[in-house]
Amino acid sequence: MIEWYDFTIYGTAATLVFNQLFFPSADPLVGTLISIASYGVGFIARPFGGALFGHFGDRVGRKRMLALTVVIMGFGTALIGVLPTYAQAGVLAPILLILLRLVQGVGIGGEWGGAVLMMVESARPHQRGLYGALVQAGSPFGVLTSIGAFALVSASLSNEAFMAWGWRVPFLISIVLVAIGLWIRLRLAETPAFRRLQAARGVRRTPLVEVVTQHRRFFFTAIALKVSEIAWAVTGSVFSIYYATAKLGMPRGTILTAIQIGAGIQMLITPFYGWLSDRIGRKPLYIAACLFSMAYAFPVFLLMDAKDPVLLTLAVTVAIAIGQGVMFGVGATFMSELFNTGIRYSGASLGFQIGAALSGGLSPVIATALAGGTGGTWGFSLYLIALAAITLTATLTAPETAHRPLD
């Protein structure tokens, strides 16, 4: 939860605050585009974190990397809360902001694999889907708390006070979360699978090289499994804020509440998706999710365009809890099971993070540019359908991994 709070809070600020305080422009759309593009920088940095910490996670263990990455994420986030604005420091302000966003990206890129493998490698074969989904449930909880922090501060202050200093509070809260997270993670034991690997002297010297040279098929499969899911995450939690406020003229509080409801439902239902995948397999759920994504790509915006708070909440909730939720809940375990223990951290992390970078980094910019330039969303809907087709193809060609022993 801690790392996802840190990572997603930037997306909220990018659409509400940073476009005005760090990327001012005569054209509001240009300022928003640049601000959202800076959000995408974090996604671009994620593969570097996945490669770096994946390598050492396969070499020295999952636990150590898990503790290190939470510190990197937390302090990167807290420092954003004390940055000077463009009015105070000129061009230095956005440069520092982007550098700290890169730090966030590297941290989350390495943290995800460690968190997932700590659970999946410790679970019984018939519970790996559930255990992996429990980790993923931390993401909507992070979204819920980050949006909640912004909503609470925004509701407690005037708009002038919020823009002057109130927006910094949610970032500074990260210091407390880091302390709690580090205390917990230092008390965890290494996974049984990695301990067996060490006992058998099976630790690889260059696990990352082995992934990209000997396991290319599963590496590219993992990338493709991610691209549709993350696009729905961006649609529901980031682009929807811009679209509802800037294009539809709806109150900021309305869309933030809608996202909170969607994230809350996703948090509760994600473990169910993992549990169900333990019963019927990973592939059936992924296939169903891809087909749903294709069918929902146009209706999601038709519901938003009604400018009705109830329909807006329904649109966002379905996008987050189903459009993203099914694949997100199953994907962590599915990707992890594609690789053996000696290269699992590197393979799953890098595949996951490259997919997130390609889709998550580009999707908010593409969506905002299309909506701002044409006034419509049909182009982005076609984009969502294309990504779902890529993920569907990867799913159909991948092996079913449920119930297989981890080697």
Protein backbone atom coordinates (compact mmCIF):
# COMPACT_ATOMS: atom_id res chain seq x y z
CA MET A 1 0.00 0.00 0.00
CA ILE A 2 2.75 2.47 0.98
CA GLU A 3 4.55 2.43 -2.36
CA TRP A 4 1.29 2.74 -4.30
CA TYR A 5 0.21 5.69 -2.17
CA ASP A 6 3.51 7.34 -3.05
CA PHE A 7 3.28 6.56 -6.75
CA THR A 8 -0.39 7.38 -7.38
CA ILE A 9 -0.49 10.58 -5.36
CA TYR A 10 1.62 12.17 -8.08
CA GLY A 11 -1.05 11.41 -10.68
CA THR A 12 -3.68 13.21 -8.64
CA ALA A 13 -1.43 16.23 -8.14
CA ALA A 14 -0.45 16.29 -11.82
CA THR A 15 -4.03 16.98 -12.88
CA LEU A 16 -4.98 19.31 -10.03
CA VAL A 17 -1.86 21.18 -8.93
CA PHE A 18 1.34 20.70 -10.90
CA ASN A 19 -0.08 22.01 -14.17
CA GLN A 20 -0.54 25.39 -12.46
CA LEU A 21 2.37 25.54 -10.00
CA PHE A 22 5.18 23.78 -11.87
CA PHE A 23 4.22 23.91 -15.57
CA PRO A 24 2.47 27.26 -16.12
CA SER A 25 1.49 28.04 -19.68
CA ALA A 26 -0.62 30.56 -21.56
CA ASP A 27 -2.59 27.58 -22.88
CA PRO A 28 -4.09 25.53 -20.02
CA LEU A 29 -4.14 22.40 -22.20
CA VAL A 30 -0.40 22.67 -22.83
CA GLY A 31 0.30 23.05 -19.12
CA THR A 32 -1.87 20.04 -18.34
CA LEU A 33 -0.25 17.95 -21.07
CA ILE A 34 3.24 18.69 -19.77
CA SER A 35 2.16 18.00 -16.21
CA ILE A 36 0.60 14.66 -17.13
CA ALA A 37 3.65 13.83 -19.23
CA SER A 38 5.75 14.30 -16.10
CA TYR A 39 3.49 11.69 -14.47
CA GLY A 40 4.44 9.36 -17.32
CA VAL A 41 8.14 9.88 -16.55
CA GLY A 42 7.63 7.69 -13.49
CA PHE A 43 6.47 4.86 -15.72
CA ILE A 44 9.48 5.27 -17.99
CA ALA A 45 11.78 4.92 -14.97
CA ARG A 46 10.05 1.79 -13.70
CA PRO A 47 11.88 -0.69 -16.00
CA PHE A 48 15.22 0.58 -14.70
CA GLY A 49 14.08 -0.16 -11.17
CA GLY A 50 12.76 -3.54 -12.27
CA ALA A 51 16.08 -4.42 -13.92
CA LEU A 52 18.29 -3.15 -11.10
CA PHE A 53 16.41 -4.54 -8.13
CA GLY A 54 15.31 -7.62 -10.04
CA HIS A 55 18.97 -8.53 -10.60
CA PHE A 56 19.89 -8.11 -6.95
CA GLY A 57 16.63 -9.67 -5.79
CA ASP A 58 17.57 -12.83 -7.68
CA ARG A 59 21.13 -12.60 -6.39
CA VAL A 60 20.80 -11.73 -2.68
CA GLY A 61 17.12 -12.20 -1.89
CA ARG A 62 13.68 -10.65 -2.01
CA LYS A 63 13.59 -9.29 1.56
CA ARG A 64 16.56 -6.91 1.26
CA MET A 65 15.27 -5.31 -1.91
CA LEU A 66 11.82 -4.91 -0.41
CA ALA A 67 13.20 -2.91 2.51
CA LEU A 68 15.45 -0.74 0.34
CA THR A 69 12.81 0.19 -2.21
CA VAL A 70 10.27 1.42 0.34
CA VAL A 71 12.86 3.91 1.62
CA ILE A 72 13.61 5.13 -1.90
CA MET A 73 9.93 5.56 -2.71
CA GLY A 74 9.03 7.26 0.54
CA PHE A 75 11.75 9.85 0.66
CA GLY A 76 11.35 10.64 -3.03
CA THR A 77 7.70 11.39 -2.36
CA ALA A 78 8.30 13.42 0.80
CA LEU A 79 10.85 15.62 -0.95
CA ILE A 80 8.24 16.59 -3.55
CA GLY A 81 6.29 18.08 -0.65
CA VAL A 82 9.04 20.61 0.07
CA LEU A 83 9.90 21.63 -3.50
CA PRO A 84 9.76 25.29 -4.53
CA THR A 85 7.23 26.14 -7.24
CA TYR A 86 7.91 27.65 -10.65
CA ALA A 87 7.10 31.12 -9.28
CA GLN A 88 9.72 30.65 -6.57
CA ALA A 89 12.55 28.90 -8.42
CA GLY A 90 11.81 29.21 -12.10
CA VAL A 91 12.74 26.34 -14.39
CA LEU A 92 14.62 24.60 -11.57
CA ALA A 93 11.28 23.69 -9.96
CA PRO A 94 9.95 21.42 -12.75
CA ILE A 95 13.42 19.93 -13.23
CA LEU A 96 13.58 18.89 -9.57
CA LEU A 97 10.01 17.61 -9.72
CA ILE A 98 10.78 15.39 -12.71
CA LEU A 99 13.97 14.09 -11.07
CA LEU A 100 12.03 13.07 -7.98
CA ARG A 101 9.39 11.45 -10.19
CA LEU A 102 12.21 9.41 -11.71
CA VAL A 103 13.25 8.35 -8.21
CA GLN A 104 9.67 7.27 -7.53
CA GLY A 105 9.62 5.26 -10.74
CA VAL A 106 12.85 3.44 -9.96
CA GLY A 107 11.57 2.64 -6.47
CA ILE A 108 8.20 1.23 -7.52
CA GLY A 109 9.87 -0.61 -10.40
CA GLY A 110 11.93 -2.62 -7.96
CA GLU A 111 9.47 -2.84 -5.08
CA TRP A 112 6.61 -4.57 -6.89
CA GLY A 113 8.53 -7.73 -7.69
CA GLY A 114 9.82 -8.10 -4.16
CA ALA A 115 6.37 -7.68 -2.62
CA VAL A 116 4.72 -10.13 -5.00
CA LEU A 117 7.39 -12.80 -4.70
CA MET A 118 7.42 -12.60 -0.92
CA MET A 119 3.77 -13.69 -1.07
CA VAL A 120 3.64 -15.98 -4.10
CA GLU A 121 6.78 -17.95 -3.22
CA SER A 122 5.51 -18.43 0.33
CA ALA A 123 2.05 -19.66 -0.68
CA ARG A 124 0.77 -23.18 -1.23
CA PRO A 125 0.31 -24.09 -4.93
CA HIS A 126 -3.50 -23.80 -4.76
CA GLN A 127 -3.32 -20.38 -3.04
CA ARG A 128 -0.75 -18.51 -5.12
CA GLY A 129 -3.40 -16.56 -7.01
CA LEU A 130 -5.00 -15.38 -3.78
CA TYR A 131 -1.69 -14.44 -2.17
CA GLY A 132 -0.55 -12.52 -5.24
CA ALA A 133 -3.88 -10.70 -5.38
CA LEU A 134 -3.55 -9.63 -1.75
CA VAL A 135 -0.42 -7.70 -2.75
CA GLN A 136 -2.25 -6.16 -5.69
CA ALA A 137 -5.09 -5.05 -3.40
CA GLY A 138 -2.58 -2.64 -1.90
CA SER A 139 -2.67 -0.62 -5.12
CA PRO A 140 -6.33 0.46 -4.93
CA PHE A 141 -5.84 1.02 -1.21
CA GLY A 142 -2.97 3.35 -2.12
CA VAL A 143 -5.20 5.12 -4.65
CA LEU A 144 -7.96 5.33 -2.07
CA THR A 145 -5.74 6.86 0.58
CA SER A 146 -3.94 9.24 -1.78
CA ILE A 147 -7.19 10.53 -3.29
CA GLY A 148 -8.66 10.67 0.20
CA ALA A 149 -5.74 12.70 1.47
CA PHE A 150 -6.15 15.22 -1.34
CA ALA A 151 -9.93 15.33 -0.93
CA LEU A 152 -9.66 15.88 2.83
CA VAL A 153 -7.09 18.65 2.54
CA SER A 154 -8.96 20.26 -0.35
CA ALA A 155 -12.25 20.23 1.57
CA SER A 156 -10.62 21.66 4.69
CA LEU A 157 -8.99 24.65 3.01
CA SER A 158 -9.90 27.43 0.66
CA ASN A 159 -8.69 26.99 -2.91
CA GLU A 160 -6.04 29.68 -2.30
CA ALA A 161 -4.68 27.94 0.78
CA PHE A 162 -4.78 24.55 -0.92
CA MET A 163 -2.76 25.81 -3.88
CA ALA A 164 -0.39 27.77 -1.62
CA TRP A 165 0.59 24.99 0.77
CA GLY A 166 -2.19 22.46 1.34
CA TRP A 167 -1.22 20.25 -1.60
CA ARG A 168 2.11 19.53 0.12
CA VAL A 169 0.52 17.74 3.09
CA PRO A 170 -0.33 14.44 1.32
CA PHE A 171 3.28 14.17 0.12
CA LEU A 172 4.77 14.82 3.55
CA ILE A 173 2.57 12.12 5.09
CA SER A 174 4.78 9.63 3.26
CA ILE A 175 7.49 10.03 5.92
CA VAL A 176 5.25 8.36 8.50
CA LEU A 177 4.26 5.60 6.08
CA VAL A 178 7.91 4.84 5.29
CA ALA A 179 8.73 4.36 8.95
CA ILE A 180 5.84 1.93 9.39
CA GLY A 181 6.63 0.04 6.19
CA LEU A 182 10.32 -0.31 6.95
CA TRP A 183 9.60 -1.59 10.46
CA ILE A 184 7.33 -4.30 9.04
CA ARG A 185 9.59 -5.36 6.19
CA LEU A 186 12.72 -5.72 8.29
CA ARG A 187 10.88 -8.35 10.31
CA LEU A 188 9.93 -10.54 7.35
CA ALA A 189 11.68 -13.83 6.60
CA GLU A 190 13.15 -14.69 3.20
CA THR A 191 10.89 -16.83 0.97
CA PRO A 192 11.16 -20.64 1.14
CA ALA A 193 11.71 -20.83 -2.63
CA PHE A 194 14.73 -18.52 -2.54
CA ARG A 195 16.17 -20.27 0.50
CA ARG A 196 15.96 -23.57 -1.38
CA LEU A 197 17.68 -21.95 -4.35
CA GLN A 198 20.51 -20.74 -2.12
CA ALA A 199 20.86 -24.14 -0.45
CA ALA A 200 21.12 -25.81 -3.85
CA ARG A 201 23.70 -23.22 -4.97
CA GLY A 202 21.42 -22.33 -7.83
CA VAL A 203 21.71 -18.53 -7.63
CA ARG A 204 22.42 -17.13 -11.10
CA ARG A 205 25.31 -14.78 -11.79
CA THR A 206 23.43 -12.77 -14.42
CA PRO A 207 19.70 -13.47 -14.06
CA LEU A 208 18.64 -10.50 -16.17
CA VAL A 209 20.78 -11.64 -19.10
CA GLU A 210 19.27 -15.10 -18.82
CA VAL A 211 15.76 -13.64 -18.98
CA VAL A 212 16.30 -11.70 -22.21
CA THR A 213 18.41 -14.35 -23.95
CA GLN A 214 16.91 -17.69 -22.89
CA HIS A 215 13.35 -16.80 -21.87
CA ARG A 216 12.39 -14.17 -24.44
CA ARG A 217 8.98 -15.69 -25.13
CA PHE A 218 7.78 -15.40 -21.54
CA PHE A 219 9.48 -12.02 -21.17
CA PHE A 220 7.46 -10.55 -24.04
CA THR A 221 4.35 -12.35 -22.81
CA ALA A 222 4.68 -10.61 -19.44
CA ILE A 223 5.01 -7.22 -21.17
CA ALA A 224 1.89 -7.81 -23.26
CA LEU A 225 -0.13 -9.04 -20.28
CA LYS A 226 0.35 -5.61 -18.68
CA VAL A 227 -0.48 -3.11 -21.43
CA SER A 228 -4.28 -3.30 -21.39
CA GLU A 229 -4.61 -3.41 -17.62
CA ILE A 230 -2.50 -0.32 -16.96
CA ALA A 231 -4.35 1.67 -19.62
CA TRP A 232 -7.58 1.09 -17.70
CA ALA A 233 -5.87 2.15 -14.49
CA VAL A 234 -4.89 5.43 -16.15
CA THR A 235 -8.38 5.87 -17.60
CA GLY A 236 -10.12 5.39 -14.28
CA SER A 237 -7.73 7.11 -11.88
CA VAL A 238 -5.88 9.82 -13.83
CA PHE A 239 -7.43 10.78 -17.17
CA SER A 240 -10.92 10.77 -15.67
CA ILE A 241 -9.92 13.65 -13.36
CA TYR A 242 -8.87 15.83 -16.29
CA TYR A 243 -11.81 14.81 -18.45
CA ALA A 244 -14.47 15.33 -15.79
CA THR A 245 -13.15 18.68 -14.55
CA ALA A 246 -11.62 20.33 -17.64
CA LYS A 247 -13.83 18.94 -20.42
CA LEU A 248 -17.14 18.23 -18.68
CA GLY A 249 -16.97 21.05 -16.12
CA MET A 250 -17.86 18.82 -13.18
CA PRO A 251 -16.73 19.64 -9.61
CA ARG A 252 -13.35 18.31 -8.51
CA GLY A 253 -14.88 16.67 -5.47
CA THR A 254 -17.31 14.66 -7.60
CA ILE A 255 -14.66 12.87 -9.63
CA LEU A 256 -12.40 12.35 -6.62
CA THR A 257 -15.29 10.72 -4.77
CA ALA A 258 -16.05 8.54 -7.79
CA ILE A 259 -12.44 7.33 -7.92
CA GLN A 260 -12.48 6.62 -4.19
CA ILE A 261 -15.59 4.47 -4.56
CA GLY A 262 -14.08 2.62 -7.53
CA ALA A 263 -10.79 2.04 -5.73
CA GLY A 264 -12.60 0.88 -2.61
CA ILE A 265 -14.59 -1.71 -4.53
CA GLN A 266 -11.47 -2.82 -6.42
CA MET A 267 -9.58 -3.25 -3.15
CA LEU A 268 -12.31 -5.53 -1.82
CA ILE A 269 -12.84 -7.56 -4.98
CA THR A 270 -9.21 -8.04 -6.08
CA PRO A 271 -8.56 -10.96 -3.67
CA PHE A 272 -11.66 -12.66 -5.11
CA TYR A 273 -10.17 -12.52 -8.61
CA GLY A 274 -7.00 -14.16 -7.31
CA TRP A 275 -8.98 -16.80 -5.44
CA LEU A 276 -11.07 -17.53 -8.53
CA SER A 277 -7.95 -17.92 -10.67
CA ASP A 278 -6.79 -20.60 -8.23
CA ARG A 279 -10.00 -22.48 -9.05
CA ILE A 280 -10.43 -22.04 -12.80
CA GLY A 281 -6.99 -20.87 -13.95
CA ARG A 282 -5.31 -17.60 -14.86
CA LYS A 283 -6.10 -17.65 -18.59
CA PRO A 284 -9.92 -17.81 -18.47
CA LEU A 285 -10.09 -14.69 -16.32
CA TYR A 286 -7.60 -12.82 -18.50
CA ILE A 287 -9.48 -13.73 -21.68
CA ALA A 288 -12.78 -12.59 -20.18
CA ALA A 289 -11.20 -9.32 -19.03
CA CYS A 290 -9.79 -8.58 -22.49
CA LEU A 291 -13.15 -9.17 -24.15
CA PHE A 292 -14.83 -6.95 -21.58
CA SER A 293 -12.25 -4.22 -22.19
CA MET A 294 -13.05 -4.20 -25.89
CA ALA A 295 -16.78 -4.00 -25.20
CA TYR A 296 -16.51 -1.24 -22.57
CA ALA A 297 -14.06 1.08 -24.35
CA PHE A 298 -16.82 3.29 -25.80
CA PRO A 299 -19.54 3.01 -23.11
CA VAL A 300 -17.18 4.22 -20.36
CA PHE A 301 -17.03 7.69 -21.91
CA LEU A 302 -20.70 7.74 -22.90
CA LEU A 303 -21.51 7.31 -19.22
CA MET A 304 -19.14 10.13 -18.27
CA ASP A 305 -20.54 12.43 -20.94
CA ALA A 306 -23.95 12.32 -19.27
CA LYS A 307 -22.45 14.64 -16.60
CA ASP A 308 -24.43 12.82 -13.95
CA PRO A 309 -22.54 12.08 -10.70
CA VAL A 310 -24.10 8.63 -10.38
CA LEU A 311 -23.25 7.63 -13.95
CA LEU A 312 -19.78 9.12 -13.61
CA THR A 313 -19.21 7.02 -10.50
CA LEU A 314 -20.51 3.94 -12.31
CA ALA A 315 -18.21 4.57 -15.29
CA VAL A 316 -15.12 5.02 -13.14
CA THR A 317 -15.94 2.13 -10.81
CA VAL A 318 -16.41 -0.35 -13.65
CA ALA A 319 -13.22 0.88 -15.33
CA ILE A 320 -11.18 0.43 -12.16
CA ALA A 321 -12.80 -2.61 -10.55
CA ILE A 322 -13.38 -4.68 -13.71
CA GLY A 323 -11.55 -3.10 -16.66
CA GLN A 324 -8.31 -2.97 -14.70
CA GLY A 325 -9.24 -5.08 -11.70
CA VAL A 326 -9.49 -8.58 -13.15
CA MET A 327 -6.16 -8.47 -14.97
CA PHE A 328 -4.47 -6.65 -12.12
CA GLY A 329 -5.68 -9.15 -9.55
CA VAL A 330 -4.52 -12.17 -11.53
CA GLY A 331 -1.51 -10.71 -13.35
CA ALA A 332 0.99 -10.64 -10.49
CA THR A 333 0.82 -14.39 -9.94
CA PHE A 334 0.44 -15.17 -13.65
CA MET A 335 3.62 -13.29 -14.58
CA SER A 336 5.58 -14.67 -11.63
CA GLU A 337 4.71 -18.25 -12.55
CA LEU A 338 6.10 -17.81 -16.06
CA PHE A 339 9.68 -17.80 -14.72
CA ASN A 340 11.74 -20.15 -12.55
CA THR A 341 12.97 -19.12 -9.10
CA GLY A 342 16.48 -18.22 -10.24
CA ILE A 343 15.25 -15.50 -12.60
CA ARG A 344 11.73 -14.83 -11.32
CA TYR A 345 12.38 -11.41 -9.75
CA SER A 346 14.15 -10.16 -12.90
CA GLY A 347 11.70 -11.67 -15.38
CA ALA A 348 8.45 -10.75 -13.68
CA SER A 349 9.61 -7.28 -12.60
CA LEU A 350 11.10 -6.21 -15.90
CA GLY A 351 8.21 -7.60 -17.96
CA PHE A 352 5.64 -5.96 -15.70
CA GLN A 353 7.45 -2.63 -15.62
CA ILE A 354 8.18 -2.38 -19.34
CA GLY A 355 4.52 -3.05 -20.04
CA ALA A 356 3.61 -0.39 -17.50
CA ALA A 357 6.05 2.08 -19.07
CA LEU A 358 4.86 1.53 -22.63
CA SER A 359 1.17 1.77 -21.84
CA GLY A 360 1.02 3.67 -18.55
CA GLY A 361 3.53 6.27 -19.65
CA LEU A 362 1.86 6.99 -22.98
CA SER A 363 -1.83 6.45 -22.24
CA PRO A 364 -2.49 9.58 -20.14
CA VAL A 365 -0.72 11.81 -22.65
CA ILE A 366 -2.49 10.22 -25.62
CA ALA A 367 -5.87 10.42 -23.89
CA THR A 368 -5.44 14.06 -22.85
CA ALA A 369 -4.09 15.13 -26.25
CA LEU A 370 -6.93 13.44 -28.13
CA ALA A 371 -9.62 14.79 -25.82
CA GLY A 372 -8.12 18.28 -25.78
CA GLY A 373 -7.49 18.42 -29.51
CA THR A 374 -10.67 16.85 -30.87
CA GLY A 375 -13.01 17.33 -27.94
CA GLY A 376 -13.97 13.66 -28.16
CA THR A 377 -12.81 10.32 -26.80
CA TRP A 378 -13.45 7.96 -29.70
CA GLY A 379 -9.74 7.88 -30.61
CA PHE A 380 -8.76 6.84 -27.11
CA SER A 381 -11.50 4.21 -27.08
CA LEU A 382 -9.98 2.64 -30.19
CA TYR A 383 -6.60 2.77 -28.46
CA LEU A 384 -8.02 0.85 -25.48
CA ILE A 385 -9.43 -1.78 -27.83
CA ALA A 386 -6.07 -2.19 -29.59
CA LEU A 387 -4.26 -2.70 -26.28
CA ALA A 388 -6.85 -5.27 -25.20
CA ALA A 389 -6.23 -7.15 -28.46
CA ILE A 390 -2.50 -7.26 -27.72
CA THR A 391 -3.09 -8.62 -24.22
CA LEU A 392 -5.63 -11.14 -25.52
CA THR A 393 -3.15 -12.48 -28.08
CA ALA A 394 -0.48 -12.89 -25.40
CA THR A 395 -2.93 -14.68 -23.11
CA LEU A 396 -4.04 -17.14 -25.77
CA THR A 397 -0.45 -18.10 -26.58
CA ALA A 398 0.72 -18.33 -22.94
CA PRO A 399 0.70 -21.58 -20.94
CA GLU A 400 -1.73 -22.08 -18.08
CA THR A 401 0.39 -21.70 -14.96
CA ALA A 402 -2.10 -22.32 -12.14
CA HIS A 403 -1.35 -25.29 -9.87
CA ARG A 404 2.05 -25.98 -11.41
CA PRO A 405 4.89 -26.35 -8.89
CA LEU A 406 7.34 -23.46 -8.75
CA ASP A 407 10.73 -24.68 -9.97
